[in-house]
Structures are given as C-alpha cells and as structure tokens.
Amino acid sequence: MRCVIARYPFELTRHGVLDSMAGVKPGTVTGDSVTIGRRRYPVMQVGEVVTRQDRRDFTGGEVTRTMARLGFTCHARPEAAPTPDAGARSPLQAASEALGSPGLHDA
C-alpha cells in the first residue's frame, strides 16, 4: 500500500511491517499505540522503525492512519489513573488523626 508519512512516500505492506517489528522490544505506551503481532507498541516507535525517520519528522496520526489501513488494531491514549484529591487524607493521616498522634496531621 502506498502511503505518505512526513511528506515522503512509502510502499508498506502488512507483512513488511510485521518483519520490521520482529525482535523489536516495545517501548512504554503513554500515548496512542498499535498492536503488531502479540505486542502493543507506541505508534511513534512503529513509525520510527518502519520509516527509518526521526520521531520528530512525523505525527502519531500519520502512523495510526497507515497502520489502521494495513489492518492493525490501533488504540487511543490510555486513560490516566485517577489522582487523589489534594484535600483528601491518606490512610496514614486518617489513622494518625484517629489515634491523636501529634505532628502527622500536616503531612
């Protein structure tokens, strides 16, 4: 399939992407990702390996669209874990308040 990534034309195939990514250890997924084989890779890592270009030269959207057109499963950015409220007490703070320990109320 012919595609354009970072203004450069590429002729990519599903099999070619599988071969290129074979033996590549997946990076930490913090943004969009794509499943290739049994592994989930960050789209920017896939773009870098497949195109042999620097990650700054293309966008994740370009790679995501290309991988989806080749039949790979693409995933949106993972949901962030909920953060505790700034005013919420930790279990240690709640226990120290219940026991009346001095000095831990402001921790």
N, C-alpha and C. Protein backbone atom coordinates (compact mmCIF):
# COMPACT_ATOMS: atom_id res chain seq x y z
N MET A 1 0.84 -1.16 0.00
CA MET A 1 0.00 0.00 0.00
C MET A 1 0.90 1.23 0.00
N ARG A 2 0.54 2.16 -0.84
CA ARG A 2 1.29 3.41 -0.90
C ARG A 2 0.73 4.37 0.15
N CYS A 3 1.62 4.98 0.92
CA CYS A 3 1.21 5.96 1.93
C CYS A 3 2.26 7.06 1.99
N VAL A 4 1.87 8.18 2.56
CA VAL A 4 2.78 9.30 2.72
C VAL A 4 2.89 9.60 4.21
N ILE A 5 4.11 9.55 4.71
CA ILE A 5 4.39 9.88 6.11
C ILE A 5 5.51 10.91 6.10
N ALA A 6 5.27 12.04 6.74
CA ALA A 6 6.23 13.15 6.80
C ALA A 6 6.63 13.59 5.39
N ARG A 7 5.67 13.67 4.52
CA ARG A 7 5.83 14.13 3.13
C ARG A 7 6.69 13.21 2.27
N TYR A 8 6.98 12.01 2.75
CA TYR A 8 7.75 11.04 1.97
C TYR A 8 6.85 9.85 1.64
N PRO A 9 6.87 9.40 0.39
CA PRO A 9 6.04 8.24 0.02
C PRO A 9 6.72 6.93 0.45
N PHE A 10 5.89 6.02 0.93
CA PHE A 10 6.34 4.70 1.33
C PHE A 10 5.42 3.66 0.72
N GLU A 11 5.99 2.52 0.40
CA GLU A 11 5.22 1.38 -0.07
C GLU A 11 5.27 0.34 1.04
N LEU A 12 4.23 0.31 1.87
CA LEU A 12 4.21 -0.57 3.03
C LEU A 12 3.21 -1.69 2.85
N THR A 13 3.55 -2.84 3.41
CA THR A 13 2.64 -3.97 3.44
C THR A 13 2.52 -4.46 4.87
N ARG A 14 1.45 -5.16 5.16
CA ARG A 14 1.26 -5.71 6.50
C ARG A 14 2.41 -6.65 6.85
N HIS A 15 2.78 -7.50 5.92
CA HIS A 15 3.87 -8.45 6.15
C HIS A 15 5.19 -7.72 6.36
N GLY A 16 5.43 -6.67 5.61
CA GLY A 16 6.65 -5.89 5.76
C GLY A 16 6.76 -5.23 7.14
N VAL A 17 5.61 -4.72 7.65
CA VAL A 17 5.61 -4.12 8.98
C VAL A 17 5.87 -5.19 10.03
N LEU A 18 5.25 -6.36 9.89
CA LEU A 18 5.49 -7.46 10.83
C LEU A 18 6.97 -7.84 10.84
N ASP A 19 7.58 -7.93 9.67
CA ASP A 19 9.00 -8.27 9.58
C ASP A 19 9.87 -7.19 10.22
N SER A 20 9.54 -5.92 9.97
CA SER A 20 10.32 -4.82 10.53
C SER A 20 10.26 -4.78 12.04
N MET A 21 9.12 -5.11 12.61
CA MET A 21 8.93 -5.02 14.05
C MET A 21 9.33 -6.29 14.79
N ALA A 22 9.64 -7.36 14.05
CA ALA A 22 10.06 -8.61 14.69
C ALA A 22 11.35 -8.38 15.46
N GLY A 23 11.36 -8.79 16.71
CA GLY A 23 12.54 -8.64 17.55
C GLY A 23 12.72 -7.27 18.18
N VAL A 24 11.79 -6.34 17.90
CA VAL A 24 11.87 -5.01 18.50
C VAL A 24 11.11 -5.03 19.82
N LYS A 25 11.76 -4.63 20.88
CA LYS A 25 11.13 -4.60 22.19
C LYS A 25 10.20 -3.38 22.28
N PRO A 26 8.94 -3.58 22.66
CA PRO A 26 8.02 -2.44 22.74
C PRO A 26 8.44 -1.44 23.81
N GLY A 27 8.31 -0.16 23.48
CA GLY A 27 8.56 0.89 24.45
C GLY A 27 7.36 1.06 25.36
N THR A 28 7.46 1.95 26.32
CA THR A 28 6.37 2.22 27.25
C THR A 28 5.27 2.97 26.51
N VAL A 29 4.05 2.47 26.62
CA VAL A 29 2.91 3.10 25.95
C VAL A 29 2.36 4.20 26.84
N THR A 30 2.50 5.44 26.39
CA THR A 30 1.94 6.57 27.11
C THR A 30 0.93 7.33 26.26
N GLY A 31 0.95 7.09 24.98
CA GLY A 31 0.03 7.75 24.06
C GLY A 31 -0.67 6.72 23.20
N ASP A 32 -0.93 7.08 21.96
CA ASP A 32 -1.57 6.15 21.03
C ASP A 32 -0.65 4.96 20.79
N SER A 33 -1.27 3.81 20.53
CA SER A 33 -0.48 2.59 20.33
C SER A 33 -1.11 1.72 19.26
N VAL A 34 -0.35 0.74 18.82
CA VAL A 34 -0.82 -0.20 17.79
C VAL A 34 -0.37 -1.60 18.18
N THR A 35 -1.26 -2.57 17.98
CA THR A 35 -0.93 -3.97 18.25
C THR A 35 -0.38 -4.59 16.98
N ILE A 36 0.85 -5.08 17.07
CA ILE A 36 1.51 -5.76 15.95
C ILE A 36 1.92 -7.12 16.46
N GLY A 37 1.36 -8.14 15.86
CA GLY A 37 1.58 -9.49 16.37
C GLY A 37 0.88 -9.61 17.72
N ARG A 38 1.62 -9.98 18.73
CA ARG A 38 1.06 -10.09 20.08
C ARG A 38 1.49 -8.94 20.98
N ARG A 39 2.19 -7.97 20.42
CA ARG A 39 2.74 -6.89 21.23
C ARG A 39 2.07 -5.56 20.90
N ARG A 40 2.06 -4.70 21.90
CA ARG A 40 1.48 -3.37 21.75
C ARG A 40 2.60 -2.34 21.78
N TYR A 41 2.76 -1.61 20.68
CA TYR A 41 3.85 -0.66 20.53
C TYR A 41 3.31 0.77 20.50
N PRO A 42 4.08 1.74 21.01
CA PRO A 42 3.71 3.14 20.80
C PRO A 42 3.79 3.45 19.30
N VAL A 43 2.83 4.21 18.78
CA VAL A 43 2.82 4.48 17.33
C VAL A 43 4.08 5.20 16.88
N MET A 44 4.64 6.04 17.71
CA MET A 44 5.85 6.77 17.30
C MET A 44 7.03 5.81 17.15
N GLN A 45 7.11 4.78 17.98
CA GLN A 45 8.17 3.78 17.85
C GLN A 45 8.00 3.01 16.54
N VAL A 46 6.76 2.64 16.23
CA VAL A 46 6.50 1.92 14.99
C VAL A 46 6.88 2.78 13.79
N GLY A 47 6.48 4.05 13.83
CA GLY A 47 6.82 4.95 12.73
C GLY A 47 8.31 5.09 12.53
N GLU A 48 9.03 5.17 13.63
CA GLU A 48 10.49 5.32 13.56
C GLU A 48 11.14 4.07 12.95
N VAL A 49 10.68 2.90 13.35
CA VAL A 49 11.27 1.66 12.85
C VAL A 49 10.91 1.44 11.38
N VAL A 50 9.64 1.64 11.05
CA VAL A 50 9.17 1.33 9.70
C VAL A 50 9.69 2.33 8.67
N THR A 51 9.73 3.61 9.02
CA THR A 51 10.14 4.64 8.05
C THR A 51 11.62 4.96 8.12
N ARG A 52 12.28 4.57 9.23
CA ARG A 52 13.68 4.90 9.48
C ARG A 52 13.90 6.42 9.53
N GLN A 53 12.88 7.12 10.01
CA GLN A 53 12.96 8.57 10.18
C GLN A 53 12.96 8.90 11.66
N ASP A 54 13.40 10.09 11.99
CA ASP A 54 13.36 10.57 13.36
C ASP A 54 11.91 10.81 13.76
N ARG A 55 11.58 10.56 15.01
CA ARG A 55 10.21 10.72 15.51
C ARG A 55 9.70 12.15 15.37
N ARG A 56 10.59 13.10 15.33
CA ARG A 56 10.18 14.50 15.20
C ARG A 56 9.71 14.84 13.80
N ASP A 57 9.95 13.95 12.84
CA ASP A 57 9.62 14.24 11.45
C ASP A 57 8.19 13.88 11.06
N PHE A 58 7.48 13.13 11.87
CA PHE A 58 6.12 12.72 11.53
C PHE A 58 5.23 12.81 12.75
N THR A 59 3.93 12.66 12.53
CA THR A 59 2.98 12.70 13.64
C THR A 59 2.46 11.30 13.93
N GLY A 60 1.96 11.13 15.14
CA GLY A 60 1.35 9.86 15.51
C GLY A 60 0.12 9.57 14.68
N GLY A 61 -0.60 10.61 14.30
CA GLY A 61 -1.80 10.44 13.48
C GLY A 61 -1.49 9.84 12.12
N GLU A 62 -0.39 10.26 11.52
CA GLU A 62 0.00 9.71 10.22
C GLU A 62 0.26 8.21 10.33
N VAL A 63 0.97 7.82 11.37
CA VAL A 63 1.31 6.41 11.56
C VAL A 63 0.05 5.62 11.93
N THR A 64 -0.79 6.17 12.79
CA THR A 64 -2.02 5.48 13.20
C THR A 64 -2.90 5.21 11.99
N ARG A 65 -3.11 6.21 11.15
CA ARG A 65 -3.95 6.02 9.96
C ARG A 65 -3.37 4.95 9.04
N THR A 66 -2.05 4.98 8.86
CA THR A 66 -1.40 3.99 8.00
C THR A 66 -1.55 2.58 8.56
N MET A 67 -1.29 2.43 9.85
CA MET A 67 -1.39 1.10 10.47
C MET A 67 -2.82 0.58 10.44
N ALA A 68 -3.80 1.46 10.64
CA ALA A 68 -5.21 1.05 10.57
C ALA A 68 -5.55 0.61 9.15
N ARG A 69 -5.06 1.32 8.15
CA ARG A 69 -5.33 0.93 6.76
C ARG A 69 -4.68 -0.41 6.41
N LEU A 70 -3.59 -0.74 7.09
CA LEU A 70 -2.93 -2.03 6.86
C LEU A 70 -3.60 -3.16 7.65
N GLY A 71 -4.58 -2.82 8.49
CA GLY A 71 -5.32 -3.84 9.21
C GLY A 71 -4.86 -4.10 10.64
N PHE A 72 -3.97 -3.28 11.16
CA PHE A 72 -3.53 -3.44 12.54
C PHE A 72 -4.52 -2.75 13.47
N THR A 73 -4.62 -3.25 14.69
CA THR A 73 -5.51 -2.66 15.69
C THR A 73 -4.80 -1.50 16.36
N CYS A 74 -5.42 -0.32 16.26
CA CYS A 74 -4.86 0.88 16.86
C CYS A 74 -5.66 1.23 18.11
N HIS A 75 -4.95 1.76 19.11
CA HIS A 75 -5.56 2.09 20.39
C HIS A 75 -5.31 3.56 20.70
N ALA A 76 -6.34 4.20 21.26
CA ALA A 76 -6.19 5.59 21.67
C ALA A 76 -5.35 5.66 22.94
N ARG A 77 -4.96 6.85 23.29
CA ARG A 77 -4.17 7.10 24.50
C ARG A 77 -4.84 6.44 25.70
N PRO A 78 -4.08 5.70 26.52
CA PRO A 78 -4.69 5.06 27.70
C PRO A 78 -5.19 6.11 28.68
N GLU A 79 -6.26 5.79 29.38
CA GLU A 79 -6.81 6.69 30.37
C GLU A 79 -5.83 6.84 31.53
N ALA A 80 -5.70 8.04 32.02
CA ALA A 80 -4.82 8.28 33.16
C ALA A 80 -5.46 7.74 34.43
N ALA A 81 -4.65 7.25 35.31
CA ALA A 81 -5.16 6.74 36.59
C ALA A 81 -5.69 7.91 37.40
N PRO A 82 -6.81 7.72 38.10
CA PRO A 82 -7.34 8.83 38.88
C PRO A 82 -6.37 9.24 39.98
N THR A 83 -6.21 10.53 40.13
CA THR A 83 -5.31 11.03 41.17
C THR A 83 -6.13 11.40 42.39
N PRO A 84 -5.57 11.19 43.56
CA PRO A 84 -6.32 11.53 44.77
C PRO A 84 -6.50 13.04 44.87
N ASP A 85 -7.61 13.46 45.48
CA ASP A 85 -7.87 14.88 45.67
C ASP A 85 -6.79 15.48 46.55
N ALA A 86 -6.50 16.74 46.29
CA ALA A 86 -5.47 17.42 47.07
C ALA A 86 -5.87 17.51 48.54
N GLY A 87 -7.17 17.65 48.81
CA GLY A 87 -7.64 17.78 50.19
C GLY A 87 -7.95 16.45 50.84
N ALA A 88 -7.86 15.37 50.10
CA ALA A 88 -8.18 14.05 50.67
C ALA A 88 -7.06 13.59 51.59
N ARG A 89 -7.43 12.88 52.63
CA ARG A 89 -6.45 12.36 53.58
C ARG A 89 -5.98 10.99 53.14
N SER A 90 -4.73 10.72 53.37
CA SER A 90 -4.19 9.39 53.12
C SER A 90 -4.61 8.49 54.27
N PRO A 91 -4.57 7.17 54.11
CA PRO A 91 -4.89 6.26 55.21
C PRO A 91 -4.02 6.51 56.45
N LEU A 92 -2.74 6.87 56.24
CA LEU A 92 -1.85 7.16 57.36
C LEU A 92 -2.32 8.40 58.12
N GLN A 93 -2.72 9.43 57.37
CA GLN A 93 -3.21 10.64 58.02
C GLN A 93 -4.50 10.38 58.79
N ALA A 94 -5.41 9.61 58.22
CA ALA A 94 -6.68 9.30 58.89
C ALA A 94 -6.42 8.51 60.17
N ALA A 95 -5.51 7.53 60.13
CA ALA A 95 -5.21 6.73 61.31
C ALA A 95 -4.53 7.57 62.39
N SER A 96 -3.62 8.45 61.98
CA SER A 96 -2.93 9.27 62.98
C SER A 96 -3.90 10.25 63.63
N GLU A 97 -4.85 10.77 62.88
CA GLU A 97 -5.86 11.65 63.46
C GLU A 97 -6.75 10.89 64.43
N ALA A 98 -7.11 9.65 64.07
CA ALA A 98 -7.97 8.85 64.94
C ALA A 98 -7.26 8.50 66.24
N LEU A 99 -5.95 8.31 66.16
CA LEU A 99 -5.19 7.94 67.36
C LEU A 99 -4.67 9.17 68.11
N GLY A 100 -4.78 10.32 67.48
CA GLY A 100 -4.34 11.53 68.14
C GLY A 100 -2.84 11.70 68.16
N SER A 101 -2.12 11.14 67.21
CA SER A 101 -0.67 11.29 67.18
C SER A 101 -0.32 12.71 66.74
N PRO A 102 0.55 13.39 67.47
CA PRO A 102 0.93 14.76 67.10
C PRO A 102 1.90 14.78 65.93
N GLY A 103 1.82 15.82 65.13
CA GLY A 103 2.80 16.04 64.08
C GLY A 103 2.50 15.38 62.74
N LEU A 104 1.60 14.44 62.67
CA LEU A 104 1.30 13.79 61.40
C LEU A 104 0.08 14.38 60.72
N HIS A 105 -0.60 15.32 61.37
CA HIS A 105 -1.81 15.90 60.79
C HIS A 105 -1.50 16.75 59.55
N ASP A 106 -0.31 17.32 59.47
CA ASP A 106 0.01 18.21 58.37
C ASP A 106 0.85 17.52 57.29
N ALA A 107 1.11 16.23 57.43
CA ALA A 107 1.96 15.53 56.47
C ALA A 107 1.28 15.33 55.15
